[in-house]
Structures are given as structure tokens and as C-alpha cells.
């Protein structure tokens, strides 16, 4: 455990090797926020805002970290605009993803959440290959693994996506995919008005 949600932050952790899981306490459980890998960092929000950590950071596997305290961090940012710009880009990306997750958790239908998440994965894919279905998809969506698998089978049967043996997916009918997602979102909105 690097730090717990609610603790005062005094350091930034830059990951050289290994992976760090960020979680947030939600109701009676923990929601996965993000899994960070080499080249990424965590702990910066508590330092920049001088507020308690908004998340918990857990080391998932043996890791090598560069630990930067508040004074070092401030000196680095003041002396190197590239570091400040990189941090702003990362924070903007995290904010965009947080907005997406809020919208996704607002969807009451699990199938709609799965579709919405797959749409997001296609947007943020960095490779020329089709995106991978994340290993932690169920955890990200706050669902059971079997439930997510059932919904993915449904989406495949409907001809909206195809799956490869290595866990990648491709939206094969983007118009149908978007229509189905819109239908579920509207149905969700109007059924739960009462």
C-alpha cells in the first residue's frame, strides 16, 4: 500500500517498473479507478491540491519507484516546462476518463455499461490493432465476470462486434452498435423516471 484514500499526501510516485492499482471507496466496496504502469505516476493530486489523497494506491507486483517529495516536485516543475506540460496532459486525460466513468456508472443497465465501455476502449486504443478487452473489465464496471462475459456473448451474437483469439475486439457494425447503445440509454432514462 503506497497510500490510502483520505491520507495527507507528501510524495509523488513515478513508476519505473511494476504496476500500481488506484481504487476509490464507493458505498461498501472499492471501485477500480486505474492501473498504472512504467512511466506513469500517482500521488500528485494530493500534493498539488494540498488535500487528502482521493484514492488508494496499491502495488500489484514488485515495483521500482522514484519517490519525489513536495519540495523536489515544485523545483522540478518550476525548472522544467516539459515536466509541467506532461503532468498537465496526464491530469487532463485522467479527468476525461473520470467524466466518462461517471456517465458509465449512471447507466443502470449492465449491457449498456458494457457497450459504453467498449466504445471508450476503441477511442483510447493506441495501436493500429483492434483494442483488447481489458482483463479488469468486470472490476472497472462494478460487475461480476460471468455477467460481463454473458453480455459480450450477446453483443457478438447480435453481430455488433467480433472477437479474436487473443482477446481483441472490433466493432463490425458501428451504426447498429450506436443505435443499440442509444436505445438502451433512452430506455434506461425513461424506465427509471418514476
N, C-alpha and C. Protein backbone atom coordinates (compact mmCIF):
# COMPACT_ATOMS: atom_id res chain seq x y z
N UNK A 1 0.86 -1.18 0.00
CA UNK A 1 0.00 0.00 0.00
C UNK A 1 0.91 1.24 0.00
N UNK A 2 0.80 2.05 -1.05
CA UNK A 2 1.59 3.28 -1.09
C UNK A 2 0.93 4.37 -0.26
N UNK A 3 -0.37 4.51 -0.43
CA UNK A 3 -1.13 5.47 0.37
C UNK A 3 -2.59 5.09 0.33
N UNK A 4 -3.32 5.58 1.33
CA UNK A 4 -4.75 5.29 1.44
C UNK A 4 -5.56 6.56 1.14
N UNK A 5 -6.73 6.33 0.63
CA UNK A 5 -7.68 7.41 0.39
C UNK A 5 -7.90 8.14 1.72
N UNK A 6 -7.80 9.47 1.69
CA UNK A 6 -8.02 10.27 2.89
C UNK A 6 -6.75 10.66 3.62
N UNK A 7 -5.62 9.98 3.33
CA UNK A 7 -4.35 10.34 3.97
C UNK A 7 -3.80 11.61 3.33
N UNK A 8 -3.02 12.35 4.10
CA UNK A 8 -2.37 13.55 3.58
C UNK A 8 -1.22 13.10 2.67
N UNK A 9 -1.12 13.73 1.51
CA UNK A 9 -0.08 13.36 0.55
C UNK A 9 1.16 14.20 0.68
N UNK A 10 2.30 13.54 0.65
CA UNK A 10 3.58 14.25 0.77
C UNK A 10 4.56 13.89 -0.33
N UNK A 11 4.16 12.95 -1.22
CA UNK A 11 5.07 12.46 -2.24
C UNK A 11 4.33 12.13 -3.53
N UNK A 12 5.10 12.15 -4.60
CA UNK A 12 4.64 11.62 -5.89
C UNK A 12 5.47 10.38 -6.15
N UNK A 13 4.82 9.37 -6.69
CA UNK A 13 5.49 8.11 -7.01
C UNK A 13 5.52 7.96 -8.52
N UNK A 14 6.72 7.88 -9.08
CA UNK A 14 6.90 7.67 -10.52
C UNK A 14 7.28 6.20 -10.69
N UNK A 15 6.56 5.50 -11.54
CA UNK A 15 6.74 4.06 -11.70
C UNK A 15 7.80 3.77 -12.76
N UNK A 16 8.89 3.13 -12.34
CA UNK A 16 9.91 2.67 -13.28
C UNK A 16 9.63 1.25 -13.73
N UNK A 17 9.20 0.41 -12.80
CA UNK A 17 8.84 -0.99 -13.08
C UNK A 17 7.65 -1.36 -12.21
N UNK A 18 6.83 -2.29 -12.71
CA UNK A 18 5.70 -2.77 -11.93
C UNK A 18 4.40 -2.05 -12.27
N UNK A 19 3.37 -2.38 -11.50
CA UNK A 19 2.06 -1.78 -11.73
C UNK A 19 1.44 -1.38 -10.40
N UNK A 20 0.71 -0.27 -10.42
CA UNK A 20 0.03 0.27 -9.24
C UNK A 20 -1.46 0.37 -9.57
N UNK A 21 -2.28 -0.12 -8.65
CA UNK A 21 -3.73 -0.05 -8.82
C UNK A 21 -4.28 1.09 -7.97
N UNK A 22 -5.10 1.94 -8.58
CA UNK A 22 -5.76 3.02 -7.86
C UNK A 22 -7.22 2.64 -7.66
N UNK A 23 -7.69 2.71 -6.42
CA UNK A 23 -9.08 2.38 -6.12
C UNK A 23 -9.71 3.50 -5.31
N UNK A 24 -11.03 3.55 -5.34
CA UNK A 24 -11.78 4.55 -4.57
C UNK A 24 -12.87 3.84 -3.80
N UNK A 25 -13.06 4.25 -2.56
CA UNK A 25 -14.12 3.67 -1.73
C UNK A 25 -15.47 4.18 -2.25
N UNK A 26 -16.34 3.23 -2.59
CA UNK A 26 -17.68 3.57 -3.08
C UNK A 26 -18.66 2.68 -2.34
N UNK A 27 -19.59 3.29 -1.63
CA UNK A 27 -20.58 2.57 -0.82
C UNK A 27 -19.86 1.61 0.12
N UNK A 28 -20.10 0.32 -0.03
CA UNK A 28 -19.46 -0.66 0.86
C UNK A 28 -18.30 -1.39 0.20
N UNK A 29 -17.81 -0.89 -0.92
CA UNK A 29 -16.75 -1.60 -1.62
C UNK A 29 -15.73 -0.66 -2.21
N UNK A 30 -14.89 -1.23 -3.05
CA UNK A 30 -13.84 -0.47 -3.72
C UNK A 30 -14.09 -0.50 -5.22
N UNK A 31 -13.96 0.64 -5.87
CA UNK A 31 -14.08 0.72 -7.33
C UNK A 31 -12.69 0.94 -7.91
N UNK A 32 -12.37 0.18 -8.95
CA UNK A 32 -11.10 0.35 -9.64
C UNK A 32 -11.15 1.64 -10.43
N UNK A 33 -10.16 2.49 -10.23
CA UNK A 33 -10.07 3.74 -10.98
C UNK A 33 -9.14 3.57 -12.17
N UNK A 34 -7.96 2.99 -11.91
CA UNK A 34 -6.97 2.88 -12.98
C UNK A 34 -5.86 1.95 -12.52
N UNK A 35 -5.20 1.31 -13.48
CA UNK A 35 -3.98 0.56 -13.22
C UNK A 35 -2.87 1.27 -13.97
N UNK A 36 -1.84 1.67 -13.24
CA UNK A 36 -0.73 2.44 -13.81
C UNK A 36 0.48 1.54 -14.02
N UNK A 37 1.26 1.85 -15.04
CA UNK A 37 2.46 1.08 -15.33
C UNK A 37 3.67 1.98 -15.48
N UNK A 38 4.78 1.41 -15.97
CA UNK A 38 6.03 2.17 -16.11
C UNK A 38 5.84 3.48 -16.87
N UNK A 39 6.47 4.53 -16.34
CA UNK A 39 6.39 5.85 -16.94
C UNK A 39 5.25 6.70 -16.40
N UNK A 40 4.35 6.08 -15.65
CA UNK A 40 3.21 6.83 -15.10
C UNK A 40 3.51 7.19 -13.64
N UNK A 41 2.64 8.00 -13.06
CA UNK A 41 2.86 8.49 -11.70
C UNK A 41 1.54 8.57 -10.95
N UNK A 42 1.65 8.64 -9.64
CA UNK A 42 0.45 8.81 -8.80
C UNK A 42 0.84 9.58 -7.54
N UNK A 43 -0.16 10.10 -6.87
CA UNK A 43 0.06 10.87 -5.65
C UNK A 43 0.12 12.36 -5.89
N UNK A 44 0.10 12.77 -7.15
CA UNK A 44 0.29 14.18 -7.47
C UNK A 44 -0.89 15.04 -7.06
N UNK A 45 -2.11 14.50 -7.09
CA UNK A 45 -3.27 15.33 -6.76
C UNK A 45 -3.22 15.84 -5.32
N UNK A 46 -2.82 14.98 -4.41
CA UNK A 46 -2.74 15.40 -3.01
C UNK A 46 -1.67 16.47 -2.83
N UNK A 47 -0.58 16.35 -3.58
CA UNK A 47 0.48 17.36 -3.47
C UNK A 47 0.05 18.69 -4.09
N UNK A 48 -0.51 18.64 -5.27
CA UNK A 48 -0.87 19.87 -5.99
C UNK A 48 -2.01 20.59 -5.29
N UNK A 49 -3.01 19.85 -4.82
CA UNK A 49 -4.18 20.48 -4.21
C UNK A 49 -4.04 20.67 -2.70
N UNK A 50 -3.02 20.07 -2.11
CA UNK A 50 -2.81 20.09 -0.65
C UNK A 50 -4.04 19.55 0.08
N UNK A 51 -4.70 18.58 -0.53
CA UNK A 51 -5.87 17.91 0.04
C UNK A 51 -5.50 16.44 0.26
N UNK A 52 -6.29 15.72 1.04
CA UNK A 52 -6.01 14.29 1.22
C UNK A 52 -6.10 13.52 -0.11
N UNK A 53 -5.43 12.37 -0.16
CA UNK A 53 -5.48 11.53 -1.35
C UNK A 53 -6.92 11.16 -1.68
N UNK A 54 -7.35 11.34 -2.92
CA UNK A 54 -8.72 10.98 -3.29
C UNK A 54 -8.88 9.49 -3.57
N UNK A 55 -7.76 8.76 -3.66
CA UNK A 55 -7.79 7.33 -3.98
C UNK A 55 -6.78 6.59 -3.11
N UNK A 56 -6.86 5.27 -3.16
CA UNK A 56 -5.87 4.39 -2.52
C UNK A 56 -4.98 3.83 -3.62
N UNK A 57 -3.66 3.74 -3.35
CA UNK A 57 -2.71 3.20 -4.32
C UNK A 57 -2.11 1.92 -3.75
N UNK A 58 -2.25 0.82 -4.51
CA UNK A 58 -1.79 -0.49 -4.08
C UNK A 58 -0.81 -1.03 -5.12
N UNK A 59 0.34 -1.50 -4.68
CA UNK A 59 1.33 -2.11 -5.58
C UNK A 59 0.83 -3.51 -5.93
N UNK A 60 0.67 -3.79 -7.23
CA UNK A 60 0.14 -5.08 -7.68
C UNK A 60 1.23 -6.14 -7.86
N UNK A 61 2.44 -5.71 -8.14
CA UNK A 61 3.54 -6.63 -8.38
C UNK A 61 4.82 -5.91 -7.99
N UNK A 62 5.93 -6.64 -7.81
CA UNK A 62 7.17 -5.96 -7.42
C UNK A 62 7.42 -4.75 -8.32
N UNK A 63 7.73 -3.64 -7.69
CA UNK A 63 7.86 -2.38 -8.43
C UNK A 63 9.10 -1.62 -8.00
N UNK A 64 9.62 -0.84 -8.94
CA UNK A 64 10.68 0.12 -8.65
C UNK A 64 10.08 1.50 -8.88
N UNK A 65 10.15 2.33 -7.85
CA UNK A 65 9.51 3.65 -7.90
C UNK A 65 10.53 4.74 -7.62
N UNK A 66 10.35 5.85 -8.27
CA UNK A 66 11.09 7.06 -7.95
C UNK A 66 10.15 7.87 -7.07
N UNK A 67 10.62 8.19 -5.86
CA UNK A 67 9.78 8.93 -4.92
C UNK A 67 10.25 10.38 -4.89
N UNK A 68 9.32 11.29 -5.17
CA UNK A 68 9.63 12.72 -5.23
C UNK A 68 8.81 13.43 -4.16
N UNK A 69 9.50 14.14 -3.24
CA UNK A 69 8.76 14.86 -2.20
C UNK A 69 8.28 16.21 -2.73
N UNK A 70 7.52 16.92 -1.92
CA UNK A 70 6.87 18.16 -2.36
C UNK A 70 7.87 19.22 -2.83
N UNK A 71 8.96 19.41 -2.09
CA UNK A 71 9.94 20.43 -2.48
C UNK A 71 10.63 20.07 -3.79
N UNK A 72 11.02 18.80 -3.93
CA UNK A 72 11.65 18.35 -5.17
C UNK A 72 10.70 18.54 -6.35
N UNK A 73 9.46 18.18 -6.13
CA UNK A 73 8.46 18.28 -7.19
C UNK A 73 8.29 19.72 -7.64
N UNK A 74 8.13 20.61 -6.69
CA UNK A 74 7.94 22.02 -7.03
C UNK A 74 9.15 22.56 -7.78
N UNK A 75 10.35 22.21 -7.37
CA UNK A 75 11.57 22.65 -8.06
C UNK A 75 11.62 22.10 -9.48
N UNK A 76 11.25 20.83 -9.64
CA UNK A 76 11.26 20.22 -10.97
C UNK A 76 10.28 20.91 -11.91
N UNK A 77 9.08 21.19 -11.43
CA UNK A 77 8.06 21.82 -12.27
C UNK A 77 8.47 23.24 -12.64
N UNK A 78 9.03 23.97 -11.68
CA UNK A 78 9.45 25.35 -11.96
C UNK A 78 10.62 25.38 -12.95
N UNK A 79 11.50 24.42 -12.85
CA UNK A 79 12.70 24.42 -13.69
C UNK A 79 12.49 23.80 -15.07
N UNK A 80 11.46 22.99 -15.24
CA UNK A 80 11.32 22.25 -16.49
C UNK A 80 9.87 22.29 -16.97
N UNK A 81 9.63 23.10 -17.97
CA UNK A 81 8.27 23.24 -18.51
C UNK A 81 7.77 21.92 -19.10
N UNK A 82 8.67 21.09 -19.61
CA UNK A 82 8.27 19.80 -20.19
C UNK A 82 7.63 18.90 -19.13
N UNK A 83 8.18 18.90 -17.93
CA UNK A 83 7.60 18.10 -16.84
C UNK A 83 6.21 18.63 -16.50
N UNK A 84 6.07 19.94 -16.41
CA UNK A 84 4.76 20.54 -16.09
C UNK A 84 3.75 20.21 -17.18
N UNK A 85 4.16 20.30 -18.44
CA UNK A 85 3.26 20.02 -19.56
C UNK A 85 2.84 18.55 -19.56
N UNK A 86 3.80 17.65 -19.31
CA UNK A 86 3.49 16.21 -19.27
C UNK A 86 2.48 15.91 -18.16
N UNK A 87 2.67 16.55 -17.02
CA UNK A 87 1.76 16.34 -15.90
C UNK A 87 0.37 16.88 -16.23
N UNK A 88 0.30 18.05 -16.85
CA UNK A 88 -1.00 18.63 -17.22
C UNK A 88 -1.72 17.72 -18.20
N UNK A 89 -1.00 17.16 -19.17
CA UNK A 89 -1.62 16.24 -20.13
C UNK A 89 -2.17 15.00 -19.43
N UNK A 90 -1.38 14.46 -18.51
CA UNK A 90 -1.82 13.26 -17.79
C UNK A 90 -3.05 13.57 -16.94
N UNK A 91 -3.03 14.69 -16.24
CA UNK A 91 -4.17 15.07 -15.41
C UNK A 91 -5.42 15.32 -16.26
N UNK A 92 -5.24 15.94 -17.42
CA UNK A 92 -6.38 16.17 -18.33
C UNK A 92 -6.94 14.84 -18.81
N UNK A 93 -6.07 13.89 -19.11
CA UNK A 93 -6.53 12.56 -19.53
C UNK A 93 -7.28 11.85 -18.42
N UNK A 94 -6.78 11.96 -17.20
CA UNK A 94 -7.48 11.33 -16.07
C UNK A 94 -8.84 11.98 -15.84
N UNK A 95 -8.91 13.29 -16.00
CA UNK A 95 -10.19 13.99 -15.83
C UNK A 95 -11.19 13.55 -16.90
N UNK A 96 -10.73 13.44 -18.13
CA UNK A 96 -11.60 12.96 -19.22
C UNK A 96 -12.11 11.57 -18.92
N UNK A 97 -11.22 10.69 -18.46
CA UNK A 97 -11.65 9.33 -18.14
C UNK A 97 -12.60 9.31 -16.95
N UNK A 98 -12.38 10.17 -15.96
CA UNK A 98 -13.28 10.24 -14.81
C UNK A 98 -14.68 10.67 -15.25
N UNK A 99 -14.75 11.63 -16.16
CA UNK A 99 -16.06 12.06 -16.68
C UNK A 99 -16.74 10.90 -17.39
N UNK A 100 -15.98 10.16 -18.18
CA UNK A 100 -16.54 9.01 -18.88
C UNK A 100 -17.10 8.00 -17.88
N UNK A 101 -16.33 7.71 -16.83
CA UNK A 101 -16.77 6.70 -15.86
C UNK A 101 -18.02 7.14 -15.11
N UNK A 102 -18.13 8.42 -14.84
CA UNK A 102 -19.34 8.92 -14.18
C UNK A 102 -20.55 8.67 -15.06
N UNK A 103 -20.42 8.97 -16.35
CA UNK A 103 -21.51 8.71 -17.28
C UNK A 103 -21.81 7.22 -17.32
N UNK A 104 -20.77 6.40 -17.38
CA UNK A 104 -20.96 4.96 -17.47
C UNK A 104 -21.66 4.40 -16.23
N UNK A 105 -21.26 4.83 -15.06
CA UNK A 105 -21.89 4.34 -13.83
C UNK A 105 -23.32 4.85 -13.69
N UNK A 106 -23.64 5.93 -14.40
CA UNK A 106 -25.01 6.45 -14.37
C UNK A 106 -25.96 5.54 -15.15
N UNK A 107 -25.41 4.77 -16.09
CA UNK A 107 -26.24 3.83 -16.85
C UNK A 107 -26.64 2.68 -15.93
N UNK A 108 -27.90 2.41 -15.83
CA UNK A 108 -28.38 1.38 -14.91
C UNK A 108 -28.32 -0.01 -15.52
N UNK A 109 -28.43 -0.10 -16.82
CA UNK A 109 -28.42 -1.40 -17.49
C UNK A 109 -26.98 -1.88 -17.68
N UNK A 110 -26.65 -3.05 -17.14
CA UNK A 110 -25.29 -3.57 -17.29
C UNK A 110 -24.87 -3.71 -18.76
N UNK A 111 -25.78 -4.13 -19.63
CA UNK A 111 -25.43 -4.27 -21.05
C UNK A 111 -25.04 -2.91 -21.64
N UNK A 112 -25.75 -1.86 -21.26
CA UNK A 112 -25.41 -0.52 -21.75
C UNK A 112 -24.03 -0.11 -21.25
N UNK A 113 -23.70 -0.45 -20.00
CA UNK A 113 -22.37 -0.12 -19.46
C UNK A 113 -21.27 -0.85 -20.22
N UNK A 114 -21.53 -2.11 -20.58
CA UNK A 114 -20.53 -2.88 -21.33
C UNK A 114 -20.32 -2.24 -22.71
N UNK A 115 -21.41 -1.93 -23.41
CA UNK A 115 -21.31 -1.29 -24.72
C UNK A 115 -20.57 0.05 -24.63
N UNK A 116 -20.94 0.83 -23.65
CA UNK A 116 -20.33 2.15 -23.46
C UNK A 116 -18.83 2.01 -23.21
N UNK A 117 -18.44 1.03 -22.40
CA UNK A 117 -17.02 0.81 -22.10
C UNK A 117 -16.26 0.35 -23.34
N UNK A 118 -16.85 -0.54 -24.12
CA UNK A 118 -16.19 -1.00 -25.34
C UNK A 118 -16.00 0.16 -26.33
N UNK A 119 -16.98 1.04 -26.40
CA UNK A 119 -16.87 2.23 -27.24
C UNK A 119 -15.68 3.08 -26.78
N UNK A 120 -15.54 3.24 -25.47
CA UNK A 120 -14.42 4.01 -24.91
C UNK A 120 -13.09 3.35 -25.26
N UNK A 121 -13.02 2.04 -25.13
CA UNK A 121 -11.78 1.32 -25.41
C UNK A 121 -11.33 1.54 -26.84
N UNK A 122 -12.28 1.64 -27.78
CA UNK A 122 -11.90 1.89 -29.18
C UNK A 122 -11.37 3.31 -29.35
N UNK A 123 -11.87 4.25 -28.56
CA UNK A 123 -11.40 5.64 -28.66
C UNK A 123 -9.99 5.81 -28.12
N UNK A 124 -9.65 5.09 -27.06
CA UNK A 124 -8.36 5.30 -26.42
C UNK A 124 -7.29 4.30 -26.86
N UNK A 125 -7.64 3.39 -27.77
CA UNK A 125 -6.66 2.42 -28.25
C UNK A 125 -5.52 3.15 -28.94
N UNK A 126 -4.30 2.80 -28.60
CA UNK A 126 -3.13 3.49 -29.14
C UNK A 126 -2.45 2.73 -30.27
N UNK A 127 -2.88 1.54 -30.53
CA UNK A 127 -2.22 0.72 -31.53
C UNK A 127 -3.03 0.71 -32.82
N UNK A 128 -2.41 0.20 -33.88
CA UNK A 128 -3.13 0.01 -35.13
C UNK A 128 -4.00 -1.23 -35.07
N UNK A 129 -3.75 -2.08 -34.08
CA UNK A 129 -4.54 -3.29 -33.89
C UNK A 129 -5.85 -2.95 -33.21
N UNK A 130 -6.87 -3.81 -33.37
CA UNK A 130 -8.10 -3.60 -32.59
C UNK A 130 -7.79 -3.62 -31.10
N UNK A 131 -8.58 -2.92 -30.29
CA UNK A 131 -8.30 -2.87 -28.84
C UNK A 131 -8.54 -4.21 -28.16
N UNK A 132 -7.84 -4.39 -27.05
CA UNK A 132 -8.04 -5.56 -26.20
C UNK A 132 -9.25 -5.34 -25.31
N UNK A 133 -9.96 -6.41 -25.01
CA UNK A 133 -10.96 -6.33 -23.95
C UNK A 133 -10.16 -6.36 -22.65
N UNK A 134 -10.25 -5.33 -21.82
CA UNK A 134 -9.43 -5.27 -20.61
C UNK A 134 -9.66 -6.47 -19.68
N UNK A 135 -8.57 -6.97 -19.11
CA UNK A 135 -8.67 -8.08 -18.16
C UNK A 135 -9.52 -7.71 -16.95
N UNK A 136 -9.49 -6.43 -16.59
CA UNK A 136 -10.20 -5.97 -15.40
C UNK A 136 -11.54 -5.32 -15.75
N UNK A 137 -12.11 -5.68 -16.91
CA UNK A 137 -13.36 -5.06 -17.36
C UNK A 137 -14.48 -5.18 -16.33
N UNK A 138 -14.65 -6.36 -15.76
CA UNK A 138 -15.71 -6.55 -14.76
C UNK A 138 -15.49 -5.63 -13.57
N UNK A 139 -14.26 -5.56 -13.10
CA UNK A 139 -13.95 -4.72 -11.94
C UNK A 139 -14.19 -3.24 -12.27
N UNK A 140 -13.79 -2.82 -13.47
CA UNK A 140 -13.99 -1.43 -13.89
C UNK A 140 -15.47 -1.07 -13.93
N UNK A 141 -16.30 -2.04 -14.37
CA UNK A 141 -17.73 -1.79 -14.50
C UNK A 141 -18.51 -2.08 -13.22
N UNK A 142 -17.85 -2.61 -12.20
CA UNK A 142 -18.54 -2.95 -10.96
C UNK A 142 -19.50 -4.11 -11.15
N UNK A 143 -19.10 -5.08 -11.96
CA UNK A 143 -19.95 -6.22 -12.29
C UNK A 143 -19.20 -7.53 -12.02
N UNK A 144 -19.92 -8.64 -12.06
CA UNK A 144 -19.32 -9.95 -11.94
C UNK A 144 -18.75 -10.38 -13.30
N UNK A 145 -17.66 -11.15 -13.28
CA UNK A 145 -17.01 -11.59 -14.51
C UNK A 145 -18.00 -12.34 -15.41
N UNK A 146 -18.76 -13.26 -14.85
CA UNK A 146 -19.72 -14.04 -15.63
C UNK A 146 -20.77 -13.18 -16.29
N UNK A 147 -21.20 -12.14 -15.59
CA UNK A 147 -22.20 -11.23 -16.14
C UNK A 147 -21.64 -10.47 -17.35
N UNK A 148 -20.40 -10.00 -17.23
CA UNK A 148 -19.76 -9.30 -18.35
C UNK A 148 -19.60 -10.24 -19.54
N UNK A 149 -19.15 -11.46 -19.27
CA UNK A 149 -18.97 -12.45 -20.35
C UNK A 149 -20.29 -12.72 -21.07
N UNK A 150 -21.38 -12.82 -20.31
CA UNK A 150 -22.70 -13.05 -20.90
C UNK A 150 -23.10 -11.90 -21.82
N UNK A 151 -22.85 -10.67 -21.40
CA UNK A 151 -23.20 -9.51 -22.22
C UNK A 151 -22.32 -9.43 -23.47
N UNK A 152 -21.06 -9.78 -23.35
CA UNK A 152 -20.18 -9.77 -24.53
C UNK A 152 -20.65 -10.83 -25.52
N UNK A 153 -21.06 -12.01 -25.03
CA UNK A 153 -21.61 -13.05 -25.92
C UNK A 153 -22.84 -12.52 -26.66
N UNK A 154 -23.70 -11.79 -25.96
CA UNK A 154 -24.90 -11.22 -26.58
C UNK A 154 -24.52 -10.24 -27.69
N UNK A 155 -23.54 -9.39 -27.42
CA UNK A 155 -23.11 -8.39 -28.40
C UNK A 155 -22.50 -9.07 -29.63
N UNK A 156 -21.76 -10.15 -29.41
CA UNK A 156 -21.19 -10.91 -30.53
C UNK A 156 -22.32 -11.56 -31.34
N UNK A 157 -23.28 -12.20 -30.65
CA UNK A 157 -24.40 -12.86 -31.35
C UNK A 157 -25.22 -11.86 -32.17
N UNK A 158 -25.33 -10.64 -31.67
CA UNK A 158 -26.08 -9.60 -32.39
C UNK A 158 -25.31 -9.08 -33.60
N UNK A 159 -24.05 -9.51 -33.75
CA UNK A 159 -23.23 -9.09 -34.89
C UNK A 159 -22.68 -7.69 -34.77
N UNK A 160 -22.60 -7.18 -33.54
CA UNK A 160 -22.10 -5.81 -33.34
C UNK A 160 -20.59 -5.76 -33.20
N UNK A 161 -20.00 -6.84 -32.65
CA UNK A 161 -18.54 -6.92 -32.53
C UNK A 161 -18.09 -8.33 -32.91
N UNK A 162 -16.81 -8.41 -33.21
CA UNK A 162 -16.17 -9.72 -33.37
C UNK A 162 -15.02 -9.79 -32.38
N UNK A 163 -14.70 -11.00 -31.96
CA UNK A 163 -13.61 -11.24 -31.02
C UNK A 163 -12.52 -12.06 -31.70
N UNK A 164 -11.28 -11.78 -31.34
CA UNK A 164 -10.17 -12.59 -31.82
C UNK A 164 -9.72 -13.51 -30.70
N UNK A 165 -8.92 -14.50 -31.05
CA UNK A 165 -8.44 -15.45 -30.05
C UNK A 165 -7.55 -14.80 -28.99
N UNK A 166 -6.91 -13.70 -29.35
CA UNK A 166 -6.01 -13.04 -28.38
C UNK A 166 -6.73 -11.99 -27.53
N UNK A 167 -8.08 -11.96 -27.55
CA UNK A 167 -8.83 -11.07 -26.67
C UNK A 167 -9.09 -9.69 -27.23
N UNK A 168 -8.87 -9.51 -28.51
CA UNK A 168 -9.15 -8.21 -29.12
C UNK A 168 -10.57 -8.22 -29.68
N UNK A 169 -11.13 -7.03 -29.82
CA UNK A 169 -12.47 -6.93 -30.39
C UNK A 169 -12.51 -5.84 -31.44
N UNK A 170 -13.47 -5.95 -32.32
CA UNK A 170 -13.66 -4.93 -33.32
C UNK A 170 -15.16 -4.70 -33.49
N UNK A 171 -15.55 -3.44 -33.50
CA UNK A 171 -16.94 -3.11 -33.76
C UNK A 171 -17.16 -3.29 -35.25
N UNK A 172 -17.97 -4.26 -35.62
CA UNK A 172 -18.17 -4.60 -37.03
C UNK A 172 -19.40 -3.91 -37.62
N UNK A 173 -20.28 -3.47 -36.78
CA UNK A 173 -21.49 -2.78 -37.24
C UNK A 173 -21.63 -1.52 -36.39
N UNK A 174 -20.88 -0.49 -36.75
CA UNK A 174 -20.85 0.71 -35.90
C UNK A 174 -22.21 1.40 -35.82
N UNK A 175 -22.94 1.39 -36.91
CA UNK A 175 -24.27 2.02 -36.88
C UNK A 175 -25.22 1.25 -35.94
N UNK A 176 -25.22 -0.07 -36.07
CA UNK A 176 -26.04 -0.90 -35.20
C UNK A 176 -25.60 -0.79 -33.74
N UNK A 177 -24.28 -0.74 -33.52
CA UNK A 177 -23.72 -0.60 -32.18
C UNK A 177 -24.23 0.69 -31.53
N UNK A 178 -24.09 1.80 -32.27
CA UNK A 178 -24.52 3.11 -31.75
C UNK A 178 -26.04 3.14 -31.53
N UNK A 179 -26.79 2.57 -32.44
CA UNK A 179 -28.25 2.54 -32.29
C UNK A 179 -28.67 1.74 -31.06
N UNK A 180 -28.04 0.59 -30.89
CA UNK A 180 -28.37 -0.28 -29.75
C UNK A 180 -28.03 0.42 -28.43
N UNK A 181 -26.87 1.06 -28.39
CA UNK A 181 -26.47 1.79 -27.18
C UNK A 181 -27.43 2.94 -26.92
N UNK A 182 -27.80 3.69 -27.94
CA UNK A 182 -28.75 4.80 -27.77
C UNK A 182 -30.10 4.30 -27.27
N UNK A 183 -30.55 3.19 -27.85
CA UNK A 183 -31.82 2.58 -27.43
C UNK A 183 -31.78 2.23 -25.94
N UNK A 184 -30.70 1.58 -25.51
CA UNK A 184 -30.59 1.19 -24.10
C UNK A 184 -30.51 2.40 -23.18
N UNK A 185 -29.80 3.44 -23.61
CA UNK A 185 -29.69 4.66 -22.80
C UNK A 185 -31.05 5.33 -22.66
N UNK A 186 -31.79 5.44 -23.76
CA UNK A 186 -33.12 6.05 -23.70
C UNK A 186 -34.08 5.21 -22.86
N UNK A 187 -34.07 3.92 -23.07
CA UNK A 187 -34.93 3.01 -22.31
C UNK A 187 -34.62 3.14 -20.81
N UNK A 188 -33.33 3.21 -20.51
CA UNK A 188 -32.87 3.37 -19.13
C UNK A 188 -33.42 4.67 -18.53
N UNK A 189 -33.28 5.74 -19.28
CA UNK A 189 -33.71 7.05 -18.80
C UNK A 189 -35.19 7.09 -18.51
N UNK A 190 -36.01 6.56 -19.42
CA UNK A 190 -37.46 6.67 -19.26
C UNK A 190 -38.05 5.64 -18.32
N UNK A 191 -37.46 4.48 -18.20
CA UNK A 191 -37.99 3.46 -17.28
C UNK A 191 -37.72 3.83 -15.82
N UNK A 192 -36.66 4.59 -15.58
CA UNK A 192 -36.28 4.89 -14.20
C UNK A 192 -36.69 6.28 -13.77
N UNK A 193 -37.56 6.94 -14.52
CA UNK A 193 -38.01 8.27 -14.14
C UNK A 193 -38.89 8.25 -12.89
N UNK A 194 -39.64 7.17 -12.72
CA UNK A 194 -40.58 7.09 -11.58
C UNK A 194 -39.86 6.93 -10.32
